[in-house]
Amino acid sequence: LKNLGSVKRIRKASIEELEAVPGIGSSTALIIHTHFQKK
């Protein structure tokens, strides 16, 4: 949240943007991205 600014921004983030956040690897980024795309 600190890196992307808001939950709204996380929802719209690409997998690459999520992967750029320290501590989030490719598998976690994919899980987050998939979760928000289902809604």
C-alpha atoms as a PDB file:
ATOM      1  CA  LEU A   1       0.000   0.000   0.000  1.00  0.00           C
ATOM      2  CA  LYS A   2       2.855   2.313   0.880  1.00  0.00           C
ATOM      3  CA  ASN A   3       4.439   1.851  -2.541  1.00  0.00           C
ATOM      4  CA  LEU A   4       1.312   2.067  -4.672  1.00  0.00           C
ATOM      5  CA  GLY A   5      -0.583   4.621  -2.586  1.00  0.00           C
ATOM      6  CA  SER A   6      -4.058   3.126  -2.272  1.00  0.00           C
ATOM      7  CA  VAL A   7      -6.099  -0.033  -2.568  1.00  0.00           C
ATOM      8  CA  LYS A   8      -7.659   1.443  -5.703  1.00  0.00           C
ATOM      9  CA  ARG A   9      -4.201   1.716  -7.245  1.00  0.00           C
ATOM     10  CA  ILE A  10      -3.374  -1.873  -6.243  1.00  0.00           C
ATOM     11  CA  ARG A  11      -6.567  -3.033  -7.967  1.00  0.00           C
ATOM     12  CA  LYS A  12      -5.498  -1.347 -11.205  1.00  0.00           C
ATOM     13  CA  ALA A  13      -1.828  -2.343 -11.018  1.00  0.00           C
ATOM     14  CA  SER A  14      -0.319  -4.645 -13.603  1.00  0.00           C
ATOM     15  CA  ILE A  15       1.558  -7.759 -12.589  1.00  0.00           C
ATOM     16  CA  GLU A  16       4.807  -5.963 -13.425  1.00  0.00           C
ATOM     17  CA  GLU A  17       3.911  -3.028 -11.177  1.00  0.00           C
ATOM     18  CA  LEU A  18       3.089  -5.384  -8.316  1.00  0.00           C
ATOM     19  CA  GLU A  19       6.356  -7.288  -8.818  1.00  0.00           C
ATOM     20  CA  ALA A  20       8.260  -3.997  -8.508  1.00  0.00           C
ATOM     21  CA  VAL A  21       7.088  -3.638  -4.900  1.00  0.00           C
ATOM     22  CA  PRO A  22       9.789  -4.843  -2.492  1.00  0.00           C
ATOM     23  CA  GLY A  23       8.839  -8.191  -0.966  1.00  0.00           C
ATOM     24  CA  ILE A  24       6.345  -9.155  -3.670  1.00  0.00           C
ATOM     25  CA  GLY A  25       7.595 -11.828  -6.018  1.00  0.00           C
ATOM     26  CA  SER A  26       6.103 -12.988  -9.280  1.00  0.00           C
ATOM     27  CA  SER A  27       3.827 -15.636  -7.747  1.00  0.00           C
ATOM     28  CA  THR A  28       2.440 -13.233  -5.123  1.00  0.00           C
ATOM     29  CA  ALA A  29       1.942 -10.535  -7.761  1.00  0.00           C
ATOM     30  CA  LEU A  30      -0.003 -12.986  -9.906  1.00  0.00           C
ATOM     31  CA  ILE A  31      -2.209 -14.002  -6.961  1.00  0.00           C
ATOM     32  CA  ILE A  32      -2.960 -10.364  -6.072  1.00  0.00           C
ATOM     33  CA  HIS A  33      -3.640  -9.413  -9.686  1.00  0.00           C
ATOM     34  CA  THR A  34      -5.911 -12.417 -10.273  1.00  0.00           C
ATOM     35  CA  HIS A  35      -7.836 -11.747  -7.059  1.00  0.00           C
ATOM     36  CA  PHE A  36      -8.687  -8.180  -8.024  1.00  0.00           C
ATOM     37  CA  GLN A  37      -9.512  -9.044 -11.636  1.00  0.00           C
ATOM     38  CA  LYS A  38     -12.214 -11.495 -10.497  1.00  0.00           C
ATOM     39  CA  LYS A  39     -14.194  -8.727  -8.812  1.00  0.00           C
END
